[in-house]
Amino acid sequence: MSFILQIRLKNIDGVLERVLGTIRYRGHQLLRLMAHPTPDGSSMDVTLKVDAGRGGTHLTRHLQKLFDVEAVECYSEVAHARYG
């Protein structure tokens, strides 16, 4: 089962490594990553495609606990392809 995560991160050193470490530690496999800074440079928008045996809700809750994560949204890959 794969799903899409859209994450807004504070643009600080090591933030992407912390997010990727959490994903790996929780047993998920990263399939695709796209990241770019916001126009003002204070944040970073990251889109991840993740493959895992369980849904994205569990991982979303863990990512929301990281102090440098501003927002997380999780979509099933089918819904994301259809609507987004």
PDB file of N, CA and C in Angstrom:
ATOM      1  N   MET A   1       0.852  -1.176   0.000  1.00  0.00           N
ATOM      2  CA  MET A   1       0.000   0.000   0.000  1.00  0.00           C
ATOM      3  C   MET A   1       0.897   1.238   0.000  1.00  0.00           C
ATOM      4  N   SER A   2       0.649   2.142  -0.921  1.00  0.00           N
ATOM      5  CA  SER A   2       1.431   3.362  -0.944  1.00  0.00           C
ATOM      6  C   SER A   2       0.519   4.560  -0.728  1.00  0.00           C
ATOM      7  N   PHE A   3       1.098   5.609  -0.204  1.00  0.00           N
ATOM      8  CA  PHE A   3       0.349   6.830   0.052  1.00  0.00           C
ATOM      9  C   PHE A   3       1.265   8.021  -0.124  1.00  0.00           C
ATOM     10  N   ILE A   4       0.651   9.183  -0.252  1.00  0.00           N
ATOM     11  CA  ILE A   4       1.357  10.441  -0.485  1.00  0.00           C
ATOM     12  C   ILE A   4       1.281  11.289   0.781  1.00  0.00           C
ATOM     13  N   LEU A   5       2.411  11.819   1.203  1.00  0.00           N
ATOM     14  CA  LEU A   5       2.467  12.759   2.322  1.00  0.00           C
ATOM     15  C   LEU A   5       2.874  14.120   1.793  1.00  0.00           C
ATOM     16  N   GLN A   6       2.119  15.139   2.150  1.00  0.00           N
ATOM     17  CA  GLN A   6       2.499  16.509   1.846  1.00  0.00           C
ATOM     18  C   GLN A   6       2.805  17.173   3.174  1.00  0.00           C
ATOM     19  N   ILE A   7       4.043  17.651   3.311  1.00  0.00           N
ATOM     20  CA  ILE A   7       4.536  18.154   4.590  1.00  0.00           C
ATOM     21  C   ILE A   7       5.092  19.563   4.407  1.00  0.00           C
ATOM     22  N   ARG A   8       4.773  20.433   5.336  1.00  0.00           N
ATOM     23  CA  ARG A   8       5.393  21.766   5.391  1.00  0.00           C
ATOM     24  C   ARG A   8       6.340  21.746   6.579  1.00  0.00           C
ATOM     25  N   LEU A   9       7.626  22.024   6.308  1.00  0.00           N
ATOM     26  CA  LEU A   9       8.674  21.980   7.325  1.00  0.00           C
ATOM     27  C   LEU A   9       9.282  23.356   7.514  1.00  0.00           C
ATOM     28  N   LYS A  10       9.746  23.628   8.721  1.00  0.00           N
ATOM     29  CA  LYS A  10      10.566  24.815   8.934  1.00  0.00           C
ATOM     30  C   LYS A  10      11.871  24.597   8.175  1.00  0.00           C
ATOM     31  N   ASN A  11      12.352  25.609   7.519  1.00  0.00           N
ATOM     32  CA  ASN A  11      13.558  25.487   6.707  1.00  0.00           C
ATOM     33  C   ASN A  11      14.791  25.698   7.587  1.00  0.00           C
ATOM     34  N   ILE A  12      15.147  24.651   8.346  1.00  0.00           N
ATOM     35  CA  ILE A  12      16.305  24.687   9.231  1.00  0.00           C
ATOM     36  C   ILE A  12      17.200  23.475   8.945  1.00  0.00           C
ATOM     37  N   ASP A  13      18.445  23.559   9.389  1.00  0.00           N
ATOM     38  CA  ASP A  13      19.402  22.476   9.151  1.00  0.00           C
ATOM     39  C   ASP A  13      18.919  21.160   9.756  1.00  0.00           C
ATOM     40  N   GLY A  14      19.010  20.076   8.974  1.00  0.00           N
ATOM     41  CA  GLY A  14      18.722  18.744   9.465  1.00  0.00           C
ATOM     42  C   GLY A  14      17.265  18.346   9.477  1.00  0.00           C
ATOM     43  N   VAL A  15      16.368  19.231   9.076  1.00  0.00           N
ATOM     44  CA  VAL A  15      14.945  18.931   9.179  1.00  0.00           C
ATOM     45  C   VAL A  15      14.547  17.752   8.287  1.00  0.00           C
ATOM     46  N   LEU A  16      15.029  17.727   7.072  1.00  0.00           N
ATOM     47  CA  LEU A  16      14.665  16.647   6.164  1.00  0.00           C
ATOM     48  C   LEU A  16      15.233  15.310   6.645  1.00  0.00           C
ATOM     49  N   GLU A  17      16.428  15.331   7.220  1.00  0.00           N
ATOM     50  CA  GLU A  17      17.018  14.105   7.754  1.00  0.00           C
ATOM     51  C   GLU A  17      16.209  13.553   8.921  1.00  0.00           C
ATOM     52  N   ARG A  18      15.672  14.437   9.778  1.00  0.00           N
ATOM     53  CA  ARG A  18      14.837  13.984  10.890  1.00  0.00           C
ATOM     54  C   ARG A  18      13.552  13.345  10.389  1.00  0.00           C
ATOM     55  N   VAL A  19      12.937  13.935   9.380  1.00  0.00           N
ATOM     56  CA  VAL A  19      11.705  13.379   8.821  1.00  0.00           C
ATOM     57  C   VAL A  19      11.984  12.033   8.167  1.00  0.00           C
ATOM     58  N   LEU A  20      13.024  11.954   7.361  1.00  0.00           N
ATOM     59  CA  LEU A  20      13.354  10.689   6.704  1.00  0.00           C
ATOM     60  C   LEU A  20      13.747   9.611   7.711  1.00  0.00           C
ATOM     61  N   GLY A  21      14.437   9.989   8.770  1.00  0.00           N
ATOM     62  CA  GLY A  21      14.780   9.036   9.829  1.00  0.00           C
ATOM     63  C   GLY A  21      13.547   8.488  10.521  1.00  0.00           C
ATOM     64  N   THR A  22      12.560   9.338  10.749  1.00  0.00           N
ATOM     65  CA  THR A  22      11.306   8.890  11.366  1.00  0.00           C
ATOM     66  C   THR A  22      10.582   7.916  10.449  1.00  0.00           C
ATOM     67  N   ILE A  23      10.557   8.217   9.173  1.00  0.00           N
ATOM     68  CA  ILE A  23       9.904   7.330   8.208  1.00  0.00           C
ATOM     69  C   ILE A  23      10.592   5.968   8.190  1.00  0.00           C
ATOM     70  N   ARG A  24      11.898   5.964   8.134  1.00  0.00           N
ATOM     71  CA  ARG A  24      12.666   4.711   8.111  1.00  0.00           C
ATOM     72  C   ARG A  24      12.500   3.945   9.427  1.00  0.00           C
ATOM     73  N   TYR A  25      12.569   4.639  10.556  1.00  0.00           N
ATOM     74  CA  TYR A  25      12.456   4.001  11.867  1.00  0.00           C
ATOM     75  C   TYR A  25      11.101   3.327  12.037  1.00  0.00           C
ATOM     76  N   ARG A  26      10.063   3.909  11.484  1.00  0.00           N
ATOM     77  CA  ARG A  26       8.710   3.356  11.587  1.00  0.00           C
ATOM     78  C   ARG A  26       8.450   2.237  10.589  1.00  0.00           C
ATOM     79  N   GLY A  27       9.461   1.881   9.790  1.00  0.00           N
ATOM     80  CA  GLY A  27       9.352   0.728   8.901  1.00  0.00           C
ATOM     81  C   GLY A  27       8.733   1.012   7.547  1.00  0.00           C
ATOM     82  N   HIS A  28       8.688   2.276   7.156  1.00  0.00           N
ATOM     83  CA  HIS A  28       8.132   2.635   5.859  1.00  0.00           C
ATOM     84  C   HIS A  28       9.260   2.783   4.848  1.00  0.00           C
ATOM     85  N   GLN A  29       8.932   2.572   3.581  1.00  0.00           N
ATOM     86  CA  GLN A  29       9.929   2.696   2.517  1.00  0.00           C
ATOM     87  C   GLN A  29       9.607   3.923   1.676  1.00  0.00           C
ATOM     88  N   LEU A  30      10.586   4.786   1.497  1.00  0.00           N
ATOM     89  CA  LEU A  30      10.431   5.990   0.689  1.00  0.00           C
ATOM     90  C   LEU A  30      10.558   5.623  -0.788  1.00  0.00           C
ATOM     91  N   LEU A  31       9.559   5.986  -1.573  1.00  0.00           N
ATOM     92  CA  LEU A  31       9.567   5.697  -3.003  1.00  0.00           C
ATOM     93  C   LEU A  31       9.901   6.922  -3.849  1.00  0.00           C
ATOM     94  N   ARG A  32       9.490   8.109  -3.374  1.00  0.00           N
ATOM     95  CA  ARG A  32       9.745   9.335  -4.132  1.00  0.00           C
ATOM     96  C   ARG A  32       9.759  10.516  -3.176  1.00  0.00           C
ATOM     97  N   LEU A  33      10.592  11.499  -3.478  1.00  0.00           N
ATOM     98  CA  LEU A  33      10.697  12.699  -2.653  1.00  0.00           C
ATOM     99  C   LEU A  33      10.847  13.913  -3.558  1.00  0.00           C
ATOM    100  N   MET A  34      10.080  14.951  -3.251  1.00  0.00           N
ATOM    101  CA  MET A  34      10.204  16.220  -3.958  1.00  0.00           C
ATOM    102  C   MET A  34      10.117  17.320  -2.913  1.00  0.00           C
ATOM    103  N   ALA A  35      11.069  18.253  -2.925  1.00  0.00           N
ATOM    104  CA  ALA A  35      11.096  19.323  -1.926  1.00  0.00           C
ATOM    105  C   ALA A  35      11.483  20.637  -2.584  1.00  0.00           C
ATOM    106  N   HIS A  36      10.849  21.713  -2.103  1.00  0.00           N
ATOM    107  CA  HIS A  36      11.213  23.043  -2.576  1.00  0.00           C
ATOM    108  C   HIS A  36      10.869  24.060  -1.499  1.00  0.00           C
ATOM    109  N   PRO A  37      11.646  25.145  -1.422  1.00  0.00           N
ATOM    110  CA  PRO A  37      11.376  26.164  -0.400  1.00  0.00           C
ATOM    111  C   PRO A  37      10.154  27.003  -0.768  1.00  0.00           C
ATOM    112  N   THR A  38       9.501  27.559   0.235  1.00  0.00           N
ATOM    113  CA  THR A  38       8.404  28.490   0.005  1.00  0.00           C
ATOM    114  C   THR A  38       8.999  29.798  -0.518  1.00  0.00           C
ATOM    115  N   PRO A  39       8.189  30.662  -1.118  1.00  0.00           N
ATOM    116  CA  PRO A  39       8.725  31.920  -1.687  1.00  0.00           C
ATOM    117  C   PRO A  39       9.500  32.785  -0.687  1.00  0.00           C
ATOM    118  N   ASP A  40       9.082  32.804   0.582  1.00  0.00           N
ATOM    119  CA  ASP A  40       9.800  33.633   1.560  1.00  0.00           C
ATOM    120  C   ASP A  40      11.018  32.923   2.159  1.00  0.00           C
ATOM    121  N   GLY A  41      11.180  31.627   1.879  1.00  0.00           N
ATOM    122  CA  GLY A  41      12.352  30.886   2.330  1.00  0.00           C
ATOM    123  C   GLY A  41      12.322  30.402   3.764  1.00  0.00           C
ATOM    124  N   SER A  42      11.258  30.690   4.491  1.00  0.00           N
ATOM    125  CA  SER A  42      11.207  30.288   5.896  1.00  0.00           C
ATOM    126  C   SER A  42      10.754  28.841   6.083  1.00  0.00           C
ATOM    127  N   SER A  43      10.120  28.274   5.079  1.00  0.00           N
ATOM    128  CA  SER A  43       9.600  26.909   5.162  1.00  0.00           C
ATOM    129  C   SER A  43       9.969  26.140   3.903  1.00  0.00           C
ATOM    130  N   MET A  44       9.678  24.845   3.935  1.00  0.00           N
ATOM    131  CA  MET A  44       9.944  23.967   2.816  1.00  0.00           C
ATOM    132  C   MET A  44       8.724  23.071   2.619  1.00  0.00           C
ATOM    133  N   ASP A  45       8.250  22.958   1.385  1.00  0.00           N
ATOM    134  CA  ASP A  45       7.158  22.045   1.055  1.00  0.00           C
ATOM    135  C   ASP A  45       7.760  20.749   0.525  1.00  0.00           C
ATOM    136  N   VAL A  46       7.370  19.637   1.138  1.00  0.00           N
ATOM    137  CA  VAL A  46       7.921  18.334   0.784  1.00  0.00           C
ATOM    138  C   VAL A  46       6.769  17.408   0.428  1.00  0.00           C
ATOM    139  N   THR A  47       6.893  16.716  -0.691  1.00  0.00           N
ATOM    140  CA  THR A  47       5.928  15.699  -1.088  1.00  0.00           C
ATOM    141  C   THR A  47       6.670  14.372  -1.126  1.00  0.00           C
ATOM    142  N   LEU A  48       6.136  13.390  -0.410  1.00  0.00           N
ATOM    143  CA  LEU A  48       6.754  12.071  -0.324  1.00  0.00           C
ATOM    144  C   LEU A  48       5.764  11.008  -0.777  1.00  0.00           C
ATOM    145  N   LYS A  49       6.253  10.029  -1.498  1.00  0.00           N
ATOM    146  CA  LYS A  49       5.474   8.830  -1.773  1.00  0.00           C
ATOM    147  C   LYS A  49       6.095   7.726  -0.924  1.00  0.00           C
ATOM    148  N   VAL A  50       5.287   7.107  -0.098  1.00  0.00           N
ATOM    149  CA  VAL A  50       5.775   6.139   0.881  1.00  0.00           C
ATOM    150  C   VAL A  50       5.034   4.824   0.700  1.00  0.00           C
ATOM    151  N   ASP A  51       5.739   3.718   0.825  1.00  0.00           N
ATOM    152  CA  ASP A  51       5.155   2.383   0.737  1.00  0.00           C
ATOM    153  C   ASP A  51       5.254   1.726   2.104  1.00  0.00           C
ATOM    154  N   ALA A  52       4.154   1.119   2.542  1.00  0.00           N
ATOM    155  CA  ALA A  52       4.152   0.485   3.861  1.00  0.00           C
ATOM    156  C   ALA A  52       3.024  -0.522   3.954  1.00  0.00           C
ATOM    157  N   GLY A  53       3.136  -1.409   4.924  1.00  0.00           N
ATOM    158  CA  GLY A  53       2.108  -2.400   5.163  1.00  0.00           C
ATOM    159  C   GLY A  53       0.864  -1.831   5.824  1.00  0.00           C
ATOM    160  N   ARG A  54       1.026  -0.758   6.589  1.00  0.00           N
ATOM    161  CA  ARG A  54      -0.122  -0.131   7.227  1.00  0.00           C
ATOM    162  C   ARG A  54      -0.333   1.265   6.669  1.00  0.00           C
ATOM    163  N   GLY A  55      -1.455   1.843   6.950  1.00  0.00           N
ATOM    164  CA  GLY A  55      -1.818   3.140   6.383  1.00  0.00           C
ATOM    165  C   GLY A  55      -0.959   4.285   6.879  1.00  0.00           C
ATOM    166  N   GLY A  56      -1.220   5.457   6.329  1.00  0.00           N
ATOM    167  CA  GLY A  56      -0.422   6.617   6.633  1.00  0.00           C
ATOM    168  C   GLY A  56      -0.816   7.366   7.885  1.00  0.00           C
ATOM    169  N   THR A  57      -1.956   7.041   8.484  1.00  0.00           N
ATOM    170  CA  THR A  57      -2.406   7.765   9.671  1.00  0.00           C
ATOM    171  C   THR A  57      -1.408   7.638  10.816  1.00  0.00           C
ATOM    172  N   HIS A  58      -0.906   6.447  11.021  1.00  0.00           N
ATOM    173  CA  HIS A  58       0.056   6.192  12.100  1.00  0.00           C
ATOM    174  C   HIS A  58       1.321   7.031  11.902  1.00  0.00           C
ATOM    175  N   LEU A  59       1.854   7.020  10.687  1.00  0.00           N
ATOM    176  CA  LEU A  59       3.057   7.790  10.394  1.00  0.00           C
ATOM    177  C   LEU A  59       2.789   9.287  10.490  1.00  0.00           C
ATOM    178  N   THR A  60       1.633   9.729  10.030  1.00  0.00           N
ATOM    179  CA  THR A  60       1.270  11.146  10.097  1.00  0.00           C
ATOM    180  C   THR A  60       1.299  11.648  11.532  1.00  0.00           C
ATOM    181  N   ARG A  61       0.759  10.862  12.456  1.00  0.00           N
ATOM    182  CA  ARG A  61       0.773  11.269  13.873  1.00  0.00           C
ATOM    183  C   ARG A  61       2.189  11.408  14.405  1.00  0.00           C
ATOM    184  N   HIS A  62       3.078  10.514  14.024  1.00  0.00           N
ATOM    185  CA  HIS A  62       4.468  10.598  14.491  1.00  0.00           C
ATOM    186  C   HIS A  62       5.181  11.807  13.905  1.00  0.00           C
ATOM    187  N   LEU A  63       4.926  12.096  12.643  1.00  0.00           N
ATOM    188  CA  LEU A  63       5.562  13.253  12.020  1.00  0.00           C
ATOM    189  C   LEU A  63       5.062  14.562  12.622  1.00  0.00           C
ATOM    190  N   GLN A  64       3.788  14.631  12.985  1.00  0.00           N
ATOM    191  CA  GLN A  64       3.232  15.842  13.587  1.00  0.00           C
ATOM    192  C   GLN A  64       3.877  16.160  14.928  1.00  0.00           C
ATOM    193  N   LYS A  65       4.460  15.178  15.572  1.00  0.00           N
ATOM    194  CA  LYS A  65       5.109  15.385  16.870  1.00  0.00           C
ATOM    195  C   LYS A  65       6.489  16.034  16.751  1.00  0.00           C
ATOM    196  N   LEU A  66       7.082  16.012  15.553  1.00  0.00           N
ATOM    197  CA  LEU A  66       8.393  16.629  15.366  1.00  0.00           C
ATOM    198  C   LEU A  66       8.246  18.143  15.444  1.00  0.00           C
ATOM    199  N   PHE A  67       9.131  18.811  16.182  1.00  0.00           N
ATOM    200  CA  PHE A  67       8.996  20.243  16.444  1.00  0.00           C
ATOM    201  C   PHE A  67       9.139  21.098  15.199  1.00  0.00           C
ATOM    202  N   ASP A  68       9.806  20.620  14.156  1.00  0.00           N
ATOM    203  CA  ASP A  68      10.021  21.421  12.961  1.00  0.00           C
ATOM    204  C   ASP A  68       9.033  21.118  11.834  1.00  0.00           C
ATOM    205  N   VAL A  69       8.012  20.307  12.119  1.00  0.00           N
ATOM    206  CA  VAL A  69       6.953  20.023  11.155  1.00  0.00           C
ATOM    207  C   VAL A  69       5.799  20.981  11.420  1.00  0.00           C
ATOM    208  N   GLU A  70       5.444  21.774  10.421  1.00  0.00           N
ATOM    209  CA  GLU A  70       4.361  22.742  10.564  1.00  0.00           C
ATOM    210  C   GLU A  70       3.007  22.148  10.194  1.00  0.00           C
ATOM    211  N   ALA A  71       2.962  21.262   9.187  1.00  0.00           N
ATOM    212  CA  ALA A  71       1.701  20.651   8.752  1.00  0.00           C
ATOM    213  C   ALA A  71       1.999  19.353   8.013  1.00  0.00           C
ATOM    214  N   VAL A  72       1.081  18.383   8.134  1.00  0.00           N
ATOM    215  CA  VAL A  72       1.194  17.104   7.430  1.00  0.00           C
ATOM    216  C   VAL A  72      -0.188  16.722   6.912  1.00  0.00           C
ATOM    217  N   GLU A  73      -0.247  16.328   5.661  1.00  0.00           N
ATOM    218  CA  GLU A  73      -1.468  15.787   5.073  1.00  0.00           C
ATOM    219  C   GLU A  73      -1.114  14.469   4.410  1.00  0.00           C
ATOM    220  N   CYS A  74      -2.018  13.493   4.543  1.00  0.00           N
ATOM    221  CA  CYS A  74      -1.793  12.163   3.998  1.00  0.00           C
ATOM    222  C   CYS A  74      -2.934  11.821   3.047  1.00  0.00           C
ATOM    223  N   TYR A  75      -2.578  11.299   1.871  1.00  0.00           N
ATOM    224  CA  TYR A  75      -3.554  10.908   0.865  1.00  0.00           C
ATOM    225  C   TYR A  75      -3.232   9.507   0.381  1.00  0.00           C
ATOM    226  N   SER A  76      -4.267   8.734   0.085  1.00  0.00           N
ATOM    227  CA  SER A  76      -3.998   7.474  -0.598  1.00  0.00           C
ATOM    228  C   SER A  76      -3.545   7.823  -2.004  1.00  0.00           C
ATOM    229  N   GLU A  77      -2.752   6.978  -2.606  1.00  0.00           N
ATOM    230  CA  GLU A  77      -2.222   7.294  -3.924  1.00  0.00           C
ATOM    231  C   GLU A  77      -3.349   7.423  -4.949  1.00  0.00           C
ATOM    232  N   VAL A  78      -4.399   6.628  -4.835  1.00  0.00           N
ATOM    233  CA  VAL A  78      -5.527   6.680  -5.759  1.00  0.00           C
ATOM    234  C   VAL A  78      -6.245   8.020  -5.651  1.00  0.00           C
ATOM    235  N   ALA A  79      -6.526   8.464  -4.428  1.00  0.00           N
ATOM    236  CA  ALA A  79      -7.212   9.745  -4.231  1.00  0.00           C
ATOM    237  C   ALA A  79      -6.356  10.900  -4.720  1.00  0.00           C
ATOM    238  N   HIS A  80      -5.064  10.834  -4.495  1.00  0.00           N
ATOM    239  CA  HIS A  80      -4.167  11.921  -4.916  1.00  0.00           C
ATOM    240  C   HIS A  80      -4.121  12.004  -6.446  1.00  0.00           C
ATOM    241  N   ALA A  81      -4.088  10.869  -7.127  1.00  0.00           N
ATOM    242  CA  ALA A  81      -4.053  10.858  -8.584  1.00  0.00           C
ATOM    243  C   ALA A  81      -5.375  11.401  -9.150  1.00  0.00           C
ATOM    244  N   ARG A  82      -6.466  11.121  -8.488  1.00  0.00           N
ATOM    245  CA  ARG A  82      -7.768  11.530  -8.981  1.00  0.00           C
ATOM    246  C   ARG A  82      -8.037  12.999  -8.735  1.00  0.00           C
ATOM    247  N   TYR A  83      -7.666  13.502  -7.560  1.00  0.00           N
ATOM    248  CA  TYR A  83      -8.043  14.872  -7.170  1.00  0.00           C
ATOM    249  C   TYR A  83      -6.883  15.842  -7.099  1.00  0.00           C
ATOM    250  N   GLY A  84      -5.670  15.389  -7.027  1.00  0.00           N
ATOM    251  CA  GLY A  84      -4.619  16.340  -6.775  1.00  0.00           C
ATOM    252  C   GLY A  84      -3.465  16.218  -7.641  1.00  0.00           C
TER     253      GLY A  84
END
